[in-house]
Amino acid sequence: MKNLDIVLAVVGGALVGASLGLLFAPKKGEDLRDDIVDYLESKGIRLKKAKLDRLVEELQEVAKK
């Protein structure tokens, strides 16, 4: 079980890091969200607009801490 926890932590950290990198890039918010959607879809994750908005808000809260 420990190995699975480590893998999940690494993958989760990579996703959060990539998302934060995109959020702080010098682009318009709409373009950034499109990039996030494209990135997540390339990894097999599909989000509706409301869920994406919630994800962005959560990432912003984490970045402020």
PDB file of N, CA and C in Angstrom:
ATOM      1  N   MET A   1       0.818  -1.190   0.000  1.00  0.00           N
ATOM      2  CA  MET A   1       0.000   0.000   0.000  1.00  0.00           C
ATOM      3  C   MET A   1       0.863   1.256   0.000  1.00  0.00           C
ATOM      4  N   LYS A   2       2.052   1.182   0.578  1.00  0.00           N
ATOM      5  CA  LYS A   2       2.911   2.363   0.629  1.00  0.00           C
ATOM      6  C   LYS A   2       3.320   2.842  -0.759  1.00  0.00           C
ATOM      7  N   ASN A   3       3.633   1.890  -1.652  1.00  0.00           N
ATOM      8  CA  ASN A   3       4.050   2.270  -2.998  1.00  0.00           C
ATOM      9  C   ASN A   3       2.933   2.986  -3.736  1.00  0.00           C
ATOM     10  N   LEU A   4       1.716   2.520  -3.579  1.00  0.00           N
ATOM     11  CA  LEU A   4       0.571   3.168  -4.215  1.00  0.00           C
ATOM     12  C   LEU A   4       0.391   4.587  -3.677  1.00  0.00           C
ATOM     13  N   ASP A   5       0.561   4.770  -2.382  1.00  0.00           N
ATOM     14  CA  ASP A   5       0.453   6.107  -1.791  1.00  0.00           C
ATOM     15  C   ASP A   5       1.502   7.047  -2.370  1.00  0.00           C
ATOM     16  N   ILE A   6       2.712   6.549  -2.544  1.00  0.00           N
ATOM     17  CA  ILE A   6       3.785   7.379  -3.097  1.00  0.00           C
ATOM     18  C   ILE A   6       3.476   7.766  -4.534  1.00  0.00           C
ATOM     19  N   VAL A   7       3.025   6.812  -5.327  1.00  0.00           N
ATOM     20  CA  VAL A   7       2.690   7.089  -6.727  1.00  0.00           C
ATOM     21  C   VAL A   7       1.560   8.105  -6.805  1.00  0.00           C
ATOM     22  N   LEU A   8       0.525   7.919  -5.999  1.00  0.00           N
ATOM     23  CA  LEU A   8      -0.595   8.870  -6.008  1.00  0.00           C
ATOM     24  C   LEU A   8      -0.155  10.262  -5.567  1.00  0.00           C
ATOM     25  N   ALA A   9       0.729  10.346  -4.596  1.00  0.00           N
ATOM     26  CA  ALA A   9       1.226  11.643  -4.143  1.00  0.00           C
ATOM     27  C   ALA A   9       2.024  12.329  -5.245  1.00  0.00           C
ATOM     28  N   VAL A  10       2.852  11.582  -5.950  1.00  0.00           N
ATOM     29  CA  VAL A  10       3.650  12.159  -7.037  1.00  0.00           C
ATOM     30  C   VAL A  10       2.756  12.637  -8.172  1.00  0.00           C
ATOM     31  N   VAL A  11       1.802  11.817  -8.571  1.00  0.00           N
ATOM     32  CA  VAL A  11       0.890  12.193  -9.657  1.00  0.00           C
ATOM     33  C   VAL A  11       0.047  13.400  -9.249  1.00  0.00           C
ATOM     34  N   GLY A  12      -0.475  13.385  -8.027  1.00  0.00           N
ATOM     35  CA  GLY A  12      -1.267  14.523  -7.548  1.00  0.00           C
ATOM     36  C   GLY A  12      -0.446  15.792  -7.488  1.00  0.00           C
ATOM     37  N   GLY A  13       0.781  15.683  -7.006  1.00  0.00           N
ATOM     38  CA  GLY A  13       1.667  16.852  -6.957  1.00  0.00           C
ATOM     39  C   GLY A  13       1.985  17.396  -8.339  1.00  0.00           C
ATOM     40  N   ALA A  14       2.190  16.483  -9.276  1.00  0.00           N
ATOM     41  CA  ALA A  14       2.482  16.911 -10.650  1.00  0.00           C
ATOM     42  C   ALA A  14       1.286  17.643 -11.260  1.00  0.00           C
ATOM     43  N   LEU A  15       0.081  17.134 -11.030  1.00  0.00           N
ATOM     44  CA  LEU A  15      -1.108  17.798 -11.562  1.00  0.00           C
ATOM     45  C   LEU A  15      -1.311  19.179 -10.943  1.00  0.00           C
ATOM     46  N   VAL A  16      -1.143  19.268  -9.629  1.00  0.00           N
ATOM     47  CA  VAL A  16      -1.304  20.561  -8.955  1.00  0.00           C
ATOM     48  C   VAL A  16      -0.218  21.526  -9.424  1.00  0.00           C
ATOM     49  N   GLY A  17       1.013  21.051  -9.530  1.00  0.00           N
ATOM     50  CA  GLY A  17       2.108  21.910  -9.988  1.00  0.00           C
ATOM     51  C   GLY A  17       1.897  22.420 -11.399  1.00  0.00           C
ATOM     52  N   ALA A  18       1.474  21.521 -12.283  1.00  0.00           N
ATOM     53  CA  ALA A  18       1.214  21.933 -13.667  1.00  0.00           C
ATOM     54  C   ALA A  18       0.060  22.925 -13.729  1.00  0.00           C
ATOM     55  N   SER A  19      -0.970  22.677 -12.950  1.00  0.00           N
ATOM     56  CA  SER A  19      -2.122  23.587 -12.944  1.00  0.00           C
ATOM     57  C   SER A  19      -1.742  24.959 -12.409  1.00  0.00           C
ATOM     58  N   LEU A  20      -0.970  24.992 -11.337  1.00  0.00           N
ATOM     59  CA  LEU A  20      -0.538  26.281 -10.790  1.00  0.00           C
ATOM     60  C   LEU A  20       0.374  27.011 -11.762  1.00  0.00           C
ATOM     61  N   GLY A  21       1.226  26.265 -12.443  1.00  0.00           N
ATOM     62  CA  GLY A  21       2.086  26.882 -13.453  1.00  0.00           C
ATOM     63  C   GLY A  21       1.267  27.530 -14.549  1.00  0.00           C
ATOM     64  N   LEU A  22       0.216  26.854 -14.966  1.00  0.00           N
ATOM     65  CA  LEU A  22      -0.655  27.429 -15.988  1.00  0.00           C
ATOM     66  C   LEU A  22      -1.401  28.647 -15.465  1.00  0.00           C
ATOM     67  N   LEU A  23      -1.841  28.588 -14.210  1.00  0.00           N
ATOM     68  CA  LEU A  23      -2.601  29.701 -13.649  1.00  0.00           C
ATOM     69  C   LEU A  23      -1.761  30.969 -13.525  1.00  0.00           C
ATOM     70  N   PHE A  24      -0.474  30.813 -13.278  1.00  0.00           N
ATOM     71  CA  PHE A  24       0.380  31.983 -13.111  1.00  0.00           C
ATOM     72  C   PHE A  24       1.072  32.417 -14.398  1.00  0.00           C
ATOM     73  N   ALA A  25       0.775  31.751 -15.490  1.00  0.00           N
ATOM     74  CA  ALA A  25       1.343  32.127 -16.782  1.00  0.00           C
ATOM     75  C   ALA A  25       0.686  33.430 -17.256  1.00  0.00           C
ATOM     76  N   PRO A  26       1.414  34.224 -18.026  1.00  0.00           N
ATOM     77  CA  PRO A  26       0.868  35.508 -18.481  1.00  0.00           C
ATOM     78  C   PRO A  26      -0.093  35.362 -19.666  1.00  0.00           C
ATOM     79  N   LYS A  27      -1.253  34.786 -19.410  1.00  0.00           N
ATOM     80  CA  LYS A  27      -2.292  34.652 -20.431  1.00  0.00           C
ATOM     81  C   LYS A  27      -3.621  35.110 -19.858  1.00  0.00           C
ATOM     82  N   LYS A  28      -4.582  35.310 -20.756  1.00  0.00           N
ATOM     83  CA  LYS A  28      -5.929  35.635 -20.311  1.00  0.00           C
ATOM     84  C   LYS A  28      -6.522  34.421 -19.617  1.00  0.00           C
ATOM     85  N   GLY A  29      -7.403  34.644 -18.667  1.00  0.00           N
ATOM     86  CA  GLY A  29      -8.023  33.566 -17.908  1.00  0.00           C
ATOM     87  C   GLY A  29      -8.737  32.548 -18.777  1.00  0.00           C
ATOM     88  N   GLU A  30      -9.437  33.034 -19.787  1.00  0.00           N
ATOM     89  CA  GLU A  30     -10.172  32.126 -20.666  1.00  0.00           C
ATOM     90  C   GLU A  30      -9.225  31.195 -21.418  1.00  0.00           C
ATOM     91  N   ASP A  31      -8.118  31.761 -21.917  1.00  0.00           N
ATOM     92  CA  ASP A  31      -7.124  30.944 -22.613  1.00  0.00           C
ATOM     93  C   ASP A  31      -6.490  29.936 -21.669  1.00  0.00           C
ATOM     94  N   LEU A  32      -6.253  30.359 -20.430  1.00  0.00           N
ATOM     95  CA  LEU A  32      -5.663  29.477 -19.425  1.00  0.00           C
ATOM     96  C   LEU A  32      -6.585  28.308 -19.104  1.00  0.00           C
ATOM     97  N   ARG A  33      -7.854  28.589 -18.945  1.00  0.00           N
ATOM     98  CA  ARG A  33      -8.809  27.525 -18.651  1.00  0.00           C
ATOM     99  C   ARG A  33      -8.904  26.543 -19.818  1.00  0.00           C
ATOM    100  N   ASP A  34      -8.856  27.066 -21.038  1.00  0.00           N
ATOM    101  CA  ASP A  34      -8.850  26.178 -22.204  1.00  0.00           C
ATOM    102  C   ASP A  34      -7.616  25.282 -22.191  1.00  0.00           C
ATOM    103  N   ASP A  35      -6.469  25.858 -21.817  1.00  0.00           N
ATOM    104  CA  ASP A  35      -5.235  25.070 -21.729  1.00  0.00           C
ATOM    105  C   ASP A  35      -5.340  23.996 -20.655  1.00  0.00           C
ATOM    106  N   ILE A  36      -5.948  24.352 -19.517  1.00  0.00           N
ATOM    107  CA  ILE A  36      -6.122  23.378 -18.443  1.00  0.00           C
ATOM    108  C   ILE A  36      -7.034  22.245 -18.908  1.00  0.00           C
ATOM    109  N   VAL A  37      -8.124  22.585 -19.578  1.00  0.00           N
ATOM    110  CA  VAL A  37      -9.049  21.571 -20.091  1.00  0.00           C
ATOM    111  C   VAL A  37      -8.329  20.659 -21.081  1.00  0.00           C
ATOM    112  N   ASP A  38      -7.557  21.255 -21.997  1.00  0.00           N
ATOM    113  CA  ASP A  38      -6.824  20.459 -22.977  1.00  0.00           C
ATOM    114  C   ASP A  38      -5.834  19.525 -22.293  1.00  0.00           C
ATOM    115  N   TYR A  39      -5.132  20.027 -21.289  1.00  0.00           N
ATOM    116  CA  TYR A  39      -4.154  19.210 -20.560  1.00  0.00           C
ATOM    117  C   TYR A  39      -4.840  18.049 -19.851  1.00  0.00           C
ATOM    118  N   LEU A  40      -5.924  18.341 -19.148  1.00  0.00           N
ATOM    119  CA  LEU A  40      -6.630  17.295 -18.420  1.00  0.00           C
ATOM    120  C   LEU A  40      -7.222  16.261 -19.378  1.00  0.00           C
ATOM    121  N   GLU A  41      -7.769  16.723 -20.508  1.00  0.00           N
ATOM    122  CA  GLU A  41      -8.323  15.789 -21.485  1.00  0.00           C
ATOM    123  C   GLU A  41      -7.234  14.898 -22.075  1.00  0.00           C
ATOM    124  N   SER A  42      -6.024  15.436 -22.246  1.00  0.00           N
ATOM    125  CA  SER A  42      -4.928  14.612 -22.758  1.00  0.00           C
ATOM    126  C   SER A  42      -4.544  13.519 -21.768  1.00  0.00           C
ATOM    127  N   LYS A  43      -4.867  13.723 -20.482  1.00  0.00           N
ATOM    128  CA  LYS A  43      -4.609  12.722 -19.444  1.00  0.00           C
ATOM    129  C   LYS A  43      -5.834  11.841 -19.193  1.00  0.00           C
ATOM    130  N   GLY A  44      -6.903  12.035 -19.983  1.00  0.00           N
ATOM    131  CA  GLY A  44      -8.091  11.204 -19.841  1.00  0.00           C
ATOM    132  C   GLY A  44      -9.088  11.708 -18.819  1.00  0.00           C
ATOM    133  N   ILE A  45      -8.961  12.974 -18.400  1.00  0.00           N
ATOM    134  CA  ILE A  45      -9.856  13.549 -17.400  1.00  0.00           C
ATOM    135  C   ILE A  45     -10.756  14.573 -18.095  1.00  0.00           C
ATOM    136  N   ARG A  46     -12.060  14.389 -17.969  1.00  0.00           N
ATOM    137  CA  ARG A  46     -13.009  15.319 -18.584  1.00  0.00           C
ATOM    138  C   ARG A  46     -13.760  16.048 -17.484  1.00  0.00           C
ATOM    139  N   LEU A  47     -13.782  17.375 -17.568  1.00  0.00           N
ATOM    140  CA  LEU A  47     -14.479  18.192 -16.572  1.00  0.00           C
ATOM    141  C   LEU A  47     -15.501  19.086 -17.259  1.00  0.00           C
ATOM    142  N   LYS A  48     -16.634  19.261 -16.590  1.00  0.00           N
ATOM    143  CA  LYS A  48     -17.602  20.244 -17.063  1.00  0.00           C
ATOM    144  C   LYS A  48     -17.154  21.612 -16.580  1.00  0.00           C
ATOM    145  N   LYS A  49     -17.714  22.668 -17.173  1.00  0.00           N
ATOM    146  CA  LYS A  49     -17.299  24.028 -16.845  1.00  0.00           C
ATOM    147  C   LYS A  49     -17.431  24.328 -15.353  1.00  0.00           C
ATOM    148  N   ALA A  50     -18.508  23.901 -14.734  1.00  0.00           N
ATOM    149  CA  ALA A  50     -18.708  24.180 -13.309  1.00  0.00           C
ATOM    150  C   ALA A  50     -17.634  23.510 -12.463  1.00  0.00           C
ATOM    151  N   LYS A  51     -17.277  22.284 -12.800  1.00  0.00           N
ATOM    152  CA  LYS A  51     -16.236  21.583 -12.051  1.00  0.00           C
ATOM    153  C   LYS A  51     -14.873  22.218 -12.288  1.00  0.00           C
ATOM    154  N   LEU A  52     -14.634  22.674 -13.517  1.00  0.00           N
ATOM    155  CA  LEU A  52     -13.370  23.348 -13.811  1.00  0.00           C
ATOM    156  C   LEU A  52     -13.275  24.646 -13.022  1.00  0.00           C
ATOM    157  N   ASP A  53     -14.359  25.394 -12.964  1.00  0.00           N
ATOM    158  CA  ASP A  53     -14.359  26.633 -12.191  1.00  0.00           C
ATOM    159  C   ASP A  53     -14.073  26.358 -10.720  1.00  0.00           C
ATOM    160  N   ARG A  54     -14.658  25.281 -10.186  1.00  0.00           N
ATOM    161  CA  ARG A  54     -14.421  24.907  -8.793  1.00  0.00           C
ATOM    162  C   ARG A  54     -12.957  24.508  -8.583  1.00  0.00           C
ATOM    163  N   LEU A  55     -12.387  23.775  -9.540  1.00  0.00           N
ATOM    164  CA  LEU A  55     -10.976  23.377  -9.454  1.00  0.00           C
ATOM    165  C   LEU A  55     -10.075  24.602  -9.449  1.00  0.00           C
ATOM    166  N   VAL A  56     -10.350  25.551 -10.316  1.00  0.00           N
ATOM    167  CA  VAL A  56      -9.541  26.773 -10.385  1.00  0.00           C
ATOM    168  C   VAL A  56      -9.626  27.548  -9.071  1.00  0.00           C
ATOM    169  N   GLU A  57     -10.820  27.647  -8.504  1.00  0.00           N
ATOM    170  CA  GLU A  57     -10.978  28.348  -7.222  1.00  0.00           C
ATOM    171  C   GLU A  57     -10.188  27.661  -6.115  1.00  0.00           C
ATOM    172  N   GLU A  58     -10.234  26.328  -6.083  1.00  0.00           N
ATOM    173  CA  GLU A  58      -9.483  25.594  -5.065  1.00  0.00           C
ATOM    174  C   GLU A  58      -7.982  25.789  -5.233  1.00  0.00           C
ATOM    175  N   LEU A  59      -7.523  25.779  -6.470  1.00  0.00           N
ATOM    176  CA  LEU A  59      -6.094  25.987  -6.723  1.00  0.00           C
ATOM    177  C   LEU A  59      -5.658  27.396  -6.334  1.00  0.00           C
ATOM    178  N   GLN A  60      -6.527  28.370  -6.570  1.00  0.00           N
ATOM    179  CA  GLN A  60      -6.205  29.736  -6.165  1.00  0.00           C
ATOM    180  C   GLN A  60      -6.097  29.853  -4.650  1.00  0.00           C
ATOM    181  N   GLU A  61      -6.984  29.161  -3.946  1.00  0.00           N
ATOM    182  CA  GLU A  61      -6.934  29.184  -2.476  1.00  0.00           C
ATOM    183  C   GLU A  61      -5.635  28.550  -1.984  1.00  0.00           C
ATOM    184  N   VAL A  62      -5.244  27.440  -2.587  1.00  0.00           N
ATOM    185  CA  VAL A  62      -3.998  26.773  -2.183  1.00  0.00           C
ATOM    186  C   VAL A  62      -2.803  27.668  -2.469  1.00  0.00           C
ATOM    187  N   ALA A  63      -2.839  28.363  -3.610  1.00  0.00           N
ATOM    188  CA  ALA A  63      -1.713  29.222  -3.992  1.00  0.00           C
ATOM    189  C   ALA A  63      -1.580  30.418  -3.055  1.00  0.00           C
ATOM    190  N   LYS A  64      -2.671  30.880  -2.476  1.00  0.00           N
ATOM    191  CA  LYS A  64      -2.634  32.037  -1.586  1.00  0.00           C
ATOM    192  C   LYS A  64      -2.022  31.701  -0.229  1.00  0.00           C
ATOM    193  N   LYS A  65      -2.067  30.410   0.168  1.00  0.00           N
ATOM    194  CA  LYS A  65      -1.590  30.005   1.487  1.00  0.00           C
ATOM    195  C   LYS A  65      -0.106  29.977   1.587  1.00  0.00           C
TER     196      LYS A  65
END
